Amino acid sequence: MEEIDSLISDLTAFDVKKYYDMDFDDVVKIAEPIITKLNEIGRGHIDKIGSLLNKEETWSCYFAIKILRSLKDRRALPYLIDFLKRLREILDL
C-alpha cells in the first residue's frame, strides 16, 4: 500500500511550474519509470489512480489517463466517464 501512495505522490509532484515550463517529451521521459511501475501494479489500485483525474489540466491527470488506458480494466471506466463529462462541461460542448 505504501508503494502505490508513494508512486501517486511522485506523479503529483509533476504538478508544479517547473514541469509545466519544460518540453512535453522531456517531462514524459522523466515520468516514464513511475508510469511503468504503476502500469505493473495499477490493477489493484484503480481507485487511487482514478482519483488523479480530478484536476483536468495537470500532468498527474494526463499520466493517470495514460495509465488507466494501458490497464484496460473495466473498473477504470467510471473514472474516465466522469472525467469526460467534466471536460465537456468545461469546454461548454
C-alpha atoms as a PDB file:
ATOM      1  CA  MET A   1       0.000   0.000   0.000  1.00  0.00           C
ATOM      2  CA  GLU A   2       2.851   2.373   0.750  1.00  0.00           C
ATOM      3  CA  GLU A   3       4.331   1.812  -2.698  1.00  0.00           C
ATOM      4  CA  ILE A   4       1.174   2.935  -4.501  1.00  0.00           C
ATOM      5  CA  ASP A   5       0.879   6.007  -2.276  1.00  0.00           C
ATOM      6  CA  SER A   6       4.500   6.883  -2.957  1.00  0.00           C
ATOM      7  CA  LEU A   7       4.060   6.474  -6.716  1.00  0.00           C
ATOM      8  CA  ILE A   8       0.889   8.581  -6.712  1.00  0.00           C
ATOM      9  CA  SER A   9       2.761  11.239  -4.754  1.00  0.00           C
ATOM     10  CA  ASP A  10       5.583  11.056  -7.295  1.00  0.00           C
ATOM     11  CA  LEU A  11       3.092  11.729 -10.101  1.00  0.00           C
ATOM     12  CA  THR A  12       1.512  14.689  -8.350  1.00  0.00           C
ATOM     13  CA  ALA A  13       4.994  16.139  -7.848  1.00  0.00           C
ATOM     14  CA  PHE A  14       4.938  16.946 -11.574  1.00  0.00           C
ATOM     15  CA  ASP A  15       2.073  19.403 -10.997  1.00  0.00           C
ATOM     16  CA  VAL A  16       4.334  22.391 -10.437  1.00  0.00           C
ATOM     17  CA  LYS A  17       5.508  25.245 -12.618  1.00  0.00           C
ATOM     18  CA  LYS A  18       8.945  23.719 -13.168  1.00  0.00           C
ATOM     19  CA  TYR A  19       7.456  20.861 -15.188  1.00  0.00           C
ATOM     20  CA  TYR A  20       4.859  22.991 -16.979  1.00  0.00           C
ATOM     21  CA  ASP A  21       7.726  25.105 -18.296  1.00  0.00           C
ATOM     22  CA  MET A  22       9.534  22.041 -19.668  1.00  0.00           C
ATOM     23  CA  ASP A  23       9.148  20.409 -23.050  1.00  0.00           C
ATOM     24  CA  PHE A  24       6.358  17.803 -23.180  1.00  0.00           C
ATOM     25  CA  ASP A  25       8.637  14.953 -24.286  1.00  0.00           C
ATOM     26  CA  ASP A  26      11.156  15.719 -21.549  1.00  0.00           C
ATOM     27  CA  VAL A  27       8.520  15.560 -18.804  1.00  0.00           C
ATOM     28  CA  VAL A  28       7.085  12.321 -20.161  1.00  0.00           C
ATOM     29  CA  LYS A  29      10.572  10.828 -20.294  1.00  0.00           C
ATOM     30  CA  ILE A  30      11.242  11.762 -16.659  1.00  0.00           C
ATOM     31  CA  ALA A  31       7.874  10.330 -15.564  1.00  0.00           C
ATOM     32  CA  GLU A  32       8.201   7.118 -17.579  1.00  0.00           C
ATOM     33  CA  PRO A  33       9.659   4.942 -14.766  1.00  0.00           C
ATOM     34  CA  ILE A  34       6.786   5.938 -12.467  1.00  0.00           C
ATOM     35  CA  ILE A  35       4.216   5.300 -15.188  1.00  0.00           C
ATOM     36  CA  THR A  36       5.773   1.926 -15.967  1.00  0.00           C
ATOM     37  CA  LYS A  37       5.668   0.878 -12.314  1.00  0.00           C
ATOM     38  CA  LEU A  38       2.029   1.994 -11.988  1.00  0.00           C
ATOM     39  CA  ASN A  39       1.203   0.005 -15.109  1.00  0.00           C
ATOM     40  CA  GLU A  40       2.691  -3.053 -13.395  1.00  0.00           C
ATOM     41  CA  ILE A  41       0.852  -2.707 -10.084  1.00  0.00           C
ATOM     42  CA  GLY A  42      -2.073  -0.484 -11.048  1.00  0.00           C
ATOM     43  CA  ARG A  43      -4.833  -3.071 -11.492  1.00  0.00           C
ATOM     44  CA  GLY A  44      -5.273  -3.340  -7.761  1.00  0.00           C
ATOM     45  CA  HIS A  45      -5.258   0.417  -7.269  1.00  0.00           C
ATOM     46  CA  ILE A  46      -7.514   1.838  -9.957  1.00  0.00           C
ATOM     47  CA  ASP A  47      -9.360   3.970  -7.406  1.00  0.00           C
ATOM     48  CA  LYS A  48      -6.149   5.748  -6.375  1.00  0.00           C
ATOM     49  CA  ILE A  49      -5.060   6.283  -9.964  1.00  0.00           C
ATOM     50  CA  GLY A  50      -8.567   7.407 -10.919  1.00  0.00           C
ATOM     51  CA  SER A  51      -8.515   9.996  -8.149  1.00  0.00           C
ATOM     52  CA  LEU A  52      -5.869  11.876 -10.150  1.00  0.00           C
ATOM     53  CA  LEU A  53      -8.463  12.709 -12.787  1.00  0.00           C
ATOM     54  CA  ASN A  54      -9.966  15.432 -10.609  1.00  0.00           C
ATOM     55  CA  LYS A  55      -7.756  18.224 -11.956  1.00  0.00           C
ATOM     56  CA  GLU A  56      -8.073  18.287 -15.714  1.00  0.00           C
ATOM     57  CA  GLU A  57      -5.112  20.499 -16.552  1.00  0.00           C
ATOM     58  CA  THR A  58      -2.358  18.738 -14.640  1.00  0.00           C
ATOM     59  CA  TRP A  59       0.433  16.396 -15.521  1.00  0.00           C
ATOM     60  CA  SER A  60      -0.786  13.869 -12.974  1.00  0.00           C
ATOM     61  CA  CYS A  61      -4.188  13.778 -14.673  1.00  0.00           C
ATOM     62  CA  TYR A  62      -2.570  13.216 -18.068  1.00  0.00           C
ATOM     63  CA  PHE A  63      -0.408  10.427 -16.667  1.00  0.00           C
ATOM     64  CA  ALA A  64      -3.391   8.825 -14.900  1.00  0.00           C
ATOM     65  CA  ILE A  65      -5.354   8.741 -18.156  1.00  0.00           C
ATOM     66  CA  LYS A  66      -2.364   7.165 -19.875  1.00  0.00           C
ATOM     67  CA  ILE A  67      -2.060   4.530 -17.132  1.00  0.00           C
ATOM     68  CA  LEU A  68      -5.787   3.726 -16.953  1.00  0.00           C
ATOM     69  CA  ARG A  69      -5.895   3.352 -20.715  1.00  0.00           C
ATOM     70  CA  SER A  70      -2.994   0.919 -20.705  1.00  0.00           C
ATOM     71  CA  LEU A  71      -4.509  -1.169 -17.885  1.00  0.00           C
ATOM     72  CA  LYS A  72      -7.611  -1.868 -19.997  1.00  0.00           C
ATOM     73  CA  ASP A  73      -9.671  -2.634 -16.925  1.00  0.00           C
ATOM     74  CA  ARG A  74     -13.432  -2.037 -16.854  1.00  0.00           C
ATOM     75  CA  ARG A  75     -13.170  -0.690 -13.319  1.00  0.00           C
ATOM     76  CA  ALA A  76     -11.465   2.392 -14.779  1.00  0.00           C
ATOM     77  CA  LEU A  77     -14.478   3.287 -16.915  1.00  0.00           C
ATOM     78  CA  PRO A  78     -16.431   5.261 -14.280  1.00  0.00           C
ATOM     79  CA  TYR A  79     -13.384   7.458 -13.632  1.00  0.00           C
ATOM     80  CA  LEU A  80     -12.840   8.057 -17.334  1.00  0.00           C
ATOM     81  CA  ILE A  81     -16.526   8.732 -17.997  1.00  0.00           C
ATOM     82  CA  ASP A  82     -16.715  11.238 -15.128  1.00  0.00           C
ATOM     83  CA  PHE A  83     -13.580  12.906 -16.438  1.00  0.00           C
ATOM     84  CA  LEU A  84     -15.063  13.232 -19.918  1.00  0.00           C
ATOM     85  CA  LYS A  85     -18.314  14.648 -18.523  1.00  0.00           C
ATOM     86  CA  ARG A  86     -16.416  17.301 -16.570  1.00  0.00           C
ATOM     87  CA  LEU A  87     -14.284  18.085 -19.583  1.00  0.00           C
ATOM     88  CA  ARG A  88     -17.391  18.503 -21.674  1.00  0.00           C
ATOM     89  CA  GLU A  89     -18.792  20.978 -19.140  1.00  0.00           C
ATOM     90  CA  ILE A  90     -15.533  22.907 -19.010  1.00  0.00           C
ATOM     91  CA  LEU A  91     -15.382  23.149 -22.787  1.00  0.00           C
ATOM     92  CA  ASP A  92     -19.085  24.011 -22.881  1.00  0.00           C
ATOM     93  CA  LEU A  93     -19.857  21.381 -25.512  1.00  0.00           C
END
